[in-house]
Protein backbone atom coordinates (compact mmCIF):
# COMPACT_ATOMS: atom_id res chain seq x y z
CA MET A 1 158.61 23.88 63.16
CA LYS A 2 156.64 26.92 64.42
CA ILE A 3 153.01 26.69 64.49
CA ALA A 4 150.18 29.43 65.64
CA ILE A 5 146.51 28.23 66.17
CA ILE A 6 144.19 31.13 66.50
CA ASP A 7 140.69 30.08 67.29
CA ASP A 8 138.39 31.80 70.13
CA ASP A 9 136.71 28.38 70.82
CA GLY A 10 138.98 26.60 73.43
CA TYR A 11 137.88 23.26 72.32
CA TRP A 12 138.88 23.65 68.63
CA ARG A 13 142.41 25.18 69.83
CA GLU A 14 143.05 21.93 71.78
CA TYR A 15 141.67 19.52 69.17
CA THR A 16 143.96 21.49 66.31
CA GLU A 17 146.91 21.00 68.51
CA ASN A 18 146.47 17.49 69.29
CA VAL A 19 146.13 16.56 65.76
CA VAL A 20 149.20 18.22 64.52
CA ARG A 21 151.19 16.71 67.40
CA GLN A 22 149.79 13.24 66.38
CA TYR A 23 150.87 13.87 62.82
CA TYR A 24 154.35 14.93 63.69
CA ASN A 25 154.89 12.57 66.55
CA ASN A 26 157.75 14.24 67.93
CA ASP A 27 158.64 17.22 70.35
CA GLU A 28 160.42 19.74 68.18
CA LEU A 29 157.42 21.76 67.42
CA GLN A 30 156.63 25.10 68.93
CA ILE A 31 152.99 25.41 68.96
CA ASP A 32 151.44 28.60 70.44
CA LEU A 33 147.58 28.95 70.83
CA TYR A 34 145.77 32.28 70.53
CA GLU A 35 142.14 32.94 71.41
CA SER A 36 141.87 36.00 69.52
CA ALA A 37 143.38 37.46 66.27
CA ALA A 38 144.41 40.75 67.88
CA LYS A 39 146.87 39.11 70.01
CA TYR A 40 148.33 36.77 67.19
CA LEU A 41 148.71 39.87 65.29
CA SER A 42 150.06 41.99 68.07
CA ASP A 43 152.90 39.47 68.69
CA ARG A 44 154.05 40.03 65.00
CA LYS A 45 155.60 36.60 65.20
CA CYS A 46 156.68 34.89 61.84
CA TYR A 47 155.21 31.11 62.04
CA ASP A 48 155.68 28.58 59.43
CA VAL A 49 152.27 27.82 59.64
CA SER A 50 149.20 29.29 60.88
CA PHE A 51 145.83 27.63 61.74
CA VAL A 52 143.16 30.69 61.44
CA ASP A 53 139.76 30.36 62.42
CA VAL A 54 137.37 32.11 60.12
CA GLU A 55 134.79 33.29 62.20
CA MET A 56 136.20 35.17 65.29
CA PRO A 57 134.53 38.22 67.32
CA ASP A 58 137.43 40.53 66.94
CA MET A 59 138.45 39.98 63.71
CA ASP A 60 137.70 37.19 60.84
CA GLY A 61 140.31 35.02 59.56
CA PHE A 62 140.22 36.67 56.25
CA GLN A 63 141.12 39.94 57.75
CA THR A 64 143.59 38.25 60.07
CA ILE A 65 145.27 36.56 57.11
CA THR A 66 145.61 39.87 55.29
CA GLN A 67 147.43 41.81 58.09
CA ALA A 68 149.59 38.79 58.90
CA ARG A 69 151.05 38.46 55.45
CA GLN A 70 152.54 41.97 55.93
CA TYR A 71 154.96 41.08 58.26
CA ASN A 72 155.03 37.24 57.55
CA ARG A 73 155.15 36.96 53.63
CA GLU A 74 156.46 33.20 53.60
CA GLY A 75 154.28 31.92 56.24
CA ILE A 76 151.54 29.20 55.14
CA PHE A 77 148.06 30.10 56.16
CA ILE A 78 145.12 27.24 56.59
CA ILE A 79 141.93 28.55 57.30
CA LEU A 80 139.57 26.42 59.80
CA THR A 81 135.72 26.75 59.58
CA THR A 82 132.43 25.09 59.89
CA HIS A 83 130.90 26.76 56.99
CA ASN A 84 131.63 25.46 53.52
CA GLU A 85 130.14 28.58 51.62
CA LEU A 86 132.95 30.77 52.80
CA SER A 87 135.71 28.41 50.86
CA ARG A 88 135.52 30.62 48.04
CA LYS A 89 136.58 33.76 50.07
CA GLY A 90 139.58 32.03 51.32
CA TYR A 91 141.15 31.76 47.89
CA MET A 92 141.00 35.42 47.77
CA VAL A 93 143.47 35.61 50.56
CA ASN A 94 145.47 32.84 48.85
CA ALA A 95 145.03 30.43 52.14
CA PHE A 96 147.05 27.24 51.16
CA ARG A 97 144.38 25.19 52.53
CA TYR A 98 140.50 25.28 53.67
CA ILE A 99 139.86 22.75 56.53
CA HIS A 100 135.92 21.91 57.57
CA LYS A 101 136.56 21.69 61.21
CA THR A 102 134.19 18.45 61.32
CA GLY A 103 136.50 16.68 58.59
CA MET A 104 138.42 15.02 61.48
CA GLU A 105 141.67 14.16 61.28
CA GLU A 106 141.97 13.22 57.48
CA GLU A 107 141.70 17.05 56.31
CA TYR A 108 144.29 18.12 58.51
CA TYR A 109 146.54 15.32 57.69
CA GLU A 110 146.40 15.89 54.12
CA ALA A 111 147.14 19.62 54.45
CA LEU A 112 150.14 19.01 56.83
CA LYS A 113 151.64 16.64 54.48
CA ALA A 114 151.23 19.13 51.63
CA VAL A 115 152.87 21.48 54.04
CA ASP A 116 155.66 18.81 54.54
CA ILE A 117 156.24 18.83 50.65
CA LEU A 118 156.09 22.57 50.28
CA GLN A 119 158.55 23.19 53.13
CA GLY A 120 161.08 20.53 51.89
CA ARG A 121 161.55 22.50 48.70
CA ASN A 122 163.01 25.33 50.72
CA GLU A 123 165.63 22.94 52.44
CA LYS A 124 169.26 23.88 52.11
CA ILE A 125 172.27 21.86 51.42
CA LYS A 126 176.10 22.78 51.73
CA VAL A 127 178.21 22.30 48.76
CA LYS A 128 181.73 23.10 47.84
CA VAL A 129 181.98 25.51 45.40
CA VAL A 130 185.44 25.52 43.22
CA ASN A 131 187.56 28.29 44.46
CA GLU A 132 185.09 30.08 46.62
CA GLY A 133 184.29 27.06 49.66
CA GLN A 134 181.23 25.84 50.84
CA GLN A 135 178.16 27.58 50.16
CA GLU A 136 174.51 26.95 50.77
CA LEU A 137 172.12 25.80 47.79
CA THR A 138 168.24 25.56 48.02
CA LEU A 139 166.92 22.30 46.79
CA LYS A 140 164.17 23.91 44.75
CA ASN A 141 166.64 25.79 42.81
CA ILE A 142 168.64 22.62 41.60
CA ILE A 143 167.51 21.42 38.01
CA TYR A 144 169.94 18.65 37.48
CA ILE A 145 173.56 17.70 38.38
CA GLU A 146 176.11 16.38 36.23
CA THR A 147 179.68 15.01 36.02
CA GLU A 148 182.59 16.66 34.45
CA LYS A 149 185.98 15.63 34.79
CA HIS A 150 187.06 16.05 38.22
CA ASN A 151 184.30 18.10 39.25
CA ILE A 152 180.71 18.36 39.12
CA LEU A 153 178.12 20.80 37.47
CA ILE A 154 175.07 21.81 39.43
CA HIS A 155 172.47 23.29 37.21
CA THR A 156 170.08 25.86 39.05
CA LEU A 157 167.50 27.98 38.29
CA HIS A 158 170.06 30.80 38.56
CA GLY A 159 173.01 29.49 36.66
CA ILE A 160 175.67 26.65 36.67
CA ILE A 161 177.79 25.96 39.67
CA ARG A 162 180.97 23.97 39.75
CA CYS A 163 181.90 22.20 42.55
CA ASN A 164 184.28 19.95 44.32
CA ASN A 165 181.82 17.50 45.38
CA THR A 166 181.60 14.08 44.03
CA MET A 167 178.23 12.47 42.55
CA SER A 168 178.43 10.03 45.61
CA ASP A 169 178.44 13.19 47.75
CA MET A 170 175.37 14.49 46.35
CA GLU A 171 173.67 11.34 46.59
CA GLU A 172 174.43 10.95 50.12
CA LEU A 173 173.08 14.81 50.67
CA LEU A 174 169.99 14.19 48.72
CA ALA A 175 169.02 10.92 50.23
CA GLY A 176 165.22 10.35 50.90
CA LYS A 177 164.65 13.57 48.93
CA TRP A 178 162.76 13.77 45.45
CA PHE A 179 166.36 13.56 43.23
CA PHE A 180 166.87 10.54 41.11
CA ARG A 181 170.36 9.34 39.90
CA CYS A 182 169.24 8.37 36.60
CA HIS A 183 172.55 7.74 35.07
CA ASN A 184 176.14 7.44 36.23
CA ALA A 185 176.73 11.10 35.06
CA TYR A 186 173.35 12.61 36.14
CA ILE A 187 171.03 13.41 39.12
CA VAL A 188 167.80 14.70 38.22
CA ASN A 189 165.35 16.83 40.46
CA LEU A 190 162.31 15.11 39.56
CA ASP A 191 159.83 18.30 40.22
CA GLU A 192 161.99 19.76 37.32
CA ILE A 193 161.05 17.16 34.67
CA ILE A 194 158.64 18.22 31.87
CA ASP A 195 158.43 15.05 29.98
CA VAL A 196 160.04 11.63 29.77
CA LYS A 197 160.40 10.51 26.16
CA ASP A 198 161.33 6.43 26.29
CA THR A 199 165.29 6.88 27.89
CA ILE A 200 165.14 10.61 27.50
CA ILE A 201 164.25 12.99 30.43
CA CYS A 202 163.55 16.52 29.30
CA MET A 203 164.31 19.36 31.73
CA SER A 204 162.49 22.33 32.80
CA ASP A 205 165.69 24.24 31.20
CA GLY A 206 165.57 22.50 27.78
CA SER A 207 168.30 19.98 28.79
CA GLU A 208 167.85 16.41 27.77
CA ILE A 209 168.91 13.93 30.29
CA ASP A 210 169.78 10.20 29.40
CA ILE A 211 168.32 7.36 31.48
CA SER A 212 170.53 4.30 32.28
CA GLN A 213 168.60 1.46 30.99
CA ARG A 214 169.16 -0.78 34.00
CA LYS A 215 167.84 2.27 36.07
CA LEU A 216 164.76 3.02 33.78
CA TRP A 217 161.87 0.92 35.94
CA LYS A 218 163.35 2.29 39.33
CA PHE A 219 163.48 5.90 37.62
CA LYS A 220 159.71 5.54 36.30
CA GLU A 221 158.62 4.26 39.99
CA ALA A 222 160.01 6.98 41.81
CA TYR A 223 158.97 9.63 39.25
CA MET A 224 155.33 8.69 39.25
CA LYS A 225 155.43 8.29 43.04
CA ARG A 226 156.54 12.02 43.18
CA ARG A 227 153.84 13.27 41.00
CA PHE A 228 151.67 11.46 43.07
CA GLU A 229 152.96 13.31 46.29
CA CYS A 230 152.87 16.58 44.70
CA ALA A 231 149.42 16.43 43.23
CA ASN A 232 147.59 18.51 45.84
CA ALA A 233 150.43 20.13 47.39
């Protein structure tokens, strides 16, 4: 993950970097520190996440985010400040989060957890498409997966894809994600569920999926856990 921290105050640059490294607890982060918005913008790098101080002498955080979005449309921008009264303006530039610097680690951790959820939806898996070979598929585009004779059908936001993978293959590819095998014939994306009626799952595309009676309790547990995780993402 590529992260930028833009703050004219050296103390807060270091503090934010330390909190981010403690949260991820690994060495696979690229964190670049900027003491001015001008230098950050002149580099024109596309960071996954940018922590932007709202009050800087050369350019405020709102102007910085507005200009950065021109070349980094997919970036996540988190505003840092010590003035709560400026929070409304943060939403005008579509800031992902607004962190009060004195909120200590809790606010940073909540924001980073939400970032993880958002970025996870953009992860890709490789599937074996019938007659076309291996292709990448973005997880957030999958609605549900079902068996069909010797193949599987992946129902996506953009249509149905027939693959040579098995359901066991898909379970392995989706392990630890927000997908659940609710029936021998179905794996559902928990984020694409509109409603649950007894043992029927209503999906975003209008499909109704059966829940195996023996998996009902675990399904409800997984579904509620995912809803709680995504509540503030």
